[in-house]
N, C-alpha and C. Protein backbone atom coordinates (compact mmCIF):
# COMPACT_ATOMS: atom_id res chain seq x y z
N UNK A 1 57.45 252.48 215.13
CA UNK A 1 57.33 251.03 215.07
C UNK A 1 58.27 250.50 213.99
N UNK A 2 58.85 249.36 214.23
CA UNK A 2 59.80 248.76 213.29
C UNK A 2 59.06 248.24 212.06
N UNK A 3 59.79 248.15 210.98
CA UNK A 3 59.23 247.64 209.72
C UNK A 3 59.86 246.29 209.41
N UNK A 4 59.11 245.46 208.70
CA UNK A 4 59.56 244.14 208.28
C UNK A 4 59.34 244.03 206.77
N UNK A 5 60.34 243.55 206.04
CA UNK A 5 60.19 243.28 204.62
C UNK A 5 59.98 241.78 204.44
N UNK A 6 58.90 241.43 203.77
CA UNK A 6 58.56 240.03 203.55
C UNK A 6 58.58 239.77 202.05
N UNK A 7 59.33 238.75 201.63
CA UNK A 7 59.45 238.39 200.22
C UNK A 7 58.97 236.95 200.02
N UNK A 8 58.12 236.76 199.03
CA UNK A 8 57.65 235.41 198.71
C UNK A 8 58.74 234.71 197.91
N UNK A 9 59.20 233.55 198.37
CA UNK A 9 60.29 232.85 197.71
C UNK A 9 59.89 231.47 197.19
N UNK A 10 58.74 230.96 197.61
CA UNK A 10 58.29 229.66 197.12
C UNK A 10 56.83 229.73 196.71
N UNK A 11 56.43 228.80 195.87
CA UNK A 11 55.08 228.78 195.32
C UNK A 11 54.07 228.28 196.36
N UNK A 12 52.83 228.71 196.19
CA UNK A 12 51.74 228.26 197.07
C UNK A 12 50.97 227.09 196.47
N UNK A 13 51.43 226.56 195.35
CA UNK A 13 50.78 225.39 194.74
C UNK A 13 50.93 224.21 195.70
N UNK A 14 49.87 223.42 195.82
CA UNK A 14 49.81 222.26 196.72
C UNK A 14 49.91 222.65 198.19
N UNK A 15 49.53 223.87 198.53
CA UNK A 15 49.47 224.30 199.93
C UNK A 15 48.01 224.40 200.34
N UNK A 16 47.77 224.40 201.63
CA UNK A 16 46.39 224.48 202.11
C UNK A 16 45.78 225.84 201.79
N UNK A 17 44.47 225.89 201.79
CA UNK A 17 43.76 227.12 201.49
C UNK A 17 44.08 228.19 202.54
N UNK A 18 44.31 227.77 203.78
CA UNK A 18 44.66 228.72 204.84
C UNK A 18 45.98 229.42 204.53
N UNK A 19 46.96 228.67 204.05
CA UNK A 19 48.26 229.27 203.73
C UNK A 19 48.15 230.20 202.53
N UNK A 20 47.37 229.83 201.54
CA UNK A 20 47.17 230.69 200.37
C UNK A 20 46.51 232.00 200.78
N UNK A 21 45.52 231.92 201.64
CA UNK A 21 44.83 233.13 202.10
C UNK A 21 45.74 233.99 202.96
N UNK A 22 46.60 233.37 203.74
CA UNK A 22 47.54 234.13 204.56
C UNK A 22 48.51 234.90 203.69
N UNK A 23 49.01 234.27 202.62
CA UNK A 23 49.90 234.98 201.70
C UNK A 23 49.19 236.15 201.05
N UNK A 24 47.93 235.97 200.66
CA UNK A 24 47.18 237.08 200.06
C UNK A 24 46.94 238.19 201.07
N UNK A 25 46.69 237.82 202.32
CA UNK A 25 46.47 238.83 203.35
C UNK A 25 47.74 239.64 203.61
N UNK A 26 48.88 239.02 203.42
CA UNK A 26 50.15 239.73 203.56
C UNK A 26 50.43 240.60 202.33
N UNK A 27 49.67 240.40 201.26
CA UNK A 27 49.87 241.19 200.04
C UNK A 27 50.83 240.56 199.07
N UNK A 28 51.08 239.25 199.21
CA UNK A 28 52.04 238.55 198.35
C UNK A 28 51.30 237.71 197.32
N UNK A 29 51.58 237.98 196.06
CA UNK A 29 50.96 237.22 194.98
C UNK A 29 51.99 236.46 194.15
N UNK A 30 53.03 237.14 193.70
CA UNK A 30 54.01 236.52 192.82
C UNK A 30 55.30 236.20 193.57
N UNK A 31 56.01 235.19 193.10
CA UNK A 31 57.30 234.85 193.67
C UNK A 31 58.26 236.00 193.40
N UNK A 32 59.00 236.40 194.42
CA UNK A 32 59.93 237.51 194.29
C UNK A 32 59.34 238.84 194.71
N UNK A 33 58.04 238.88 194.92
CA UNK A 33 57.39 240.12 195.34
C UNK A 33 57.72 240.42 196.79
N UNK A 34 58.01 241.67 197.09
CA UNK A 34 58.35 242.10 198.45
C UNK A 34 57.34 243.14 198.92
N UNK A 35 56.90 242.98 200.16
CA UNK A 35 56.02 243.96 200.79
C UNK A 35 56.62 244.35 202.13
N UNK A 36 56.24 245.53 202.60
CA UNK A 36 56.74 246.02 203.88
C UNK A 36 55.56 246.21 204.83
N UNK A 37 55.71 245.65 206.04
CA UNK A 37 54.66 245.73 207.06
C UNK A 37 55.25 246.23 208.36
N UNK A 38 54.36 246.74 209.23
CA UNK A 38 54.78 247.09 210.58
C UNK A 38 54.99 245.80 211.38
N UNK A 39 55.83 245.90 212.39
CA UNK A 39 56.17 244.76 213.24
C UNK A 39 55.11 244.61 214.33
N UNK A 40 53.94 244.07 213.96
CA UNK A 40 52.86 243.88 214.92
C UNK A 40 52.68 242.39 215.20
N UNK A 41 52.09 242.04 216.33
CA UNK A 41 51.89 240.62 216.65
C UNK A 41 51.06 239.88 215.60
N UNK A 42 50.06 240.53 215.02
CA UNK A 42 49.24 239.84 214.03
C UNK A 42 50.03 239.53 212.75
N UNK A 43 50.86 240.47 212.31
CA UNK A 43 51.69 240.25 211.13
C UNK A 43 52.73 239.16 211.42
N UNK A 44 53.33 239.20 212.59
CA UNK A 44 54.32 238.18 212.95
C UNK A 44 53.69 236.79 213.01
N UNK A 45 52.44 236.71 213.46
CA UNK A 45 51.74 235.43 213.49
C UNK A 45 51.48 234.90 212.10
N UNK A 46 51.10 235.79 211.17
CA UNK A 46 50.87 235.36 209.78
C UNK A 46 52.17 234.89 209.15
N UNK A 47 53.26 235.61 209.42
CA UNK A 47 54.56 235.22 208.86
C UNK A 47 54.99 233.85 209.41
N UNK A 48 54.72 233.61 210.68
CA UNK A 48 55.09 232.33 211.28
C UNK A 48 54.36 231.16 210.62
N UNK A 49 53.12 231.39 210.19
CA UNK A 49 52.33 230.32 209.56
C UNK A 49 52.84 229.96 208.17
N UNK A 50 53.50 230.91 207.48
CA UNK A 50 53.97 230.66 206.12
C UNK A 50 55.48 230.88 206.01
N UNK A 51 56.21 230.68 207.11
CA UNK A 51 57.64 230.98 207.10
C UNK A 51 58.43 230.11 206.13
N UNK A 52 57.89 228.96 205.73
CA UNK A 52 58.56 228.10 204.77
C UNK A 52 58.39 228.59 203.33
N UNK A 53 57.54 229.59 203.12
CA UNK A 53 57.28 230.12 201.79
C UNK A 53 57.83 231.54 201.59
N UNK A 54 58.27 232.18 202.68
CA UNK A 54 58.69 233.57 202.61
C UNK A 54 60.08 233.76 203.22
N UNK A 55 60.67 234.90 202.88
CA UNK A 55 61.93 235.34 203.47
C UNK A 55 61.64 236.66 204.18
N UNK A 56 62.24 236.86 205.37
CA UNK A 56 61.93 238.04 206.18
C UNK A 56 63.20 238.81 206.47
N UNK A 57 63.13 240.14 206.31
CA UNK A 57 64.21 241.05 206.67
C UNK A 57 63.67 242.09 207.64
N UNK A 58 64.45 242.42 208.64
CA UNK A 58 64.06 243.50 209.54
C UNK A 58 64.86 244.74 209.23
N UNK A 59 64.26 245.90 209.41
CA UNK A 59 64.93 247.17 209.14
C UNK A 59 65.47 247.77 210.39
């Protein structure tokens, strides 16, 4: 399965609670932090909800 690198690039201040929880579920806490996930539909859906706060790279 393909891997995706997700990096938090913007702050979650003044964002809805749903977006904050989605970032935490992805494992992102600090700006600049990068995590690697499998390319699954559930992960892609979470990334789509917070795409304005993160940067995505595919491997």
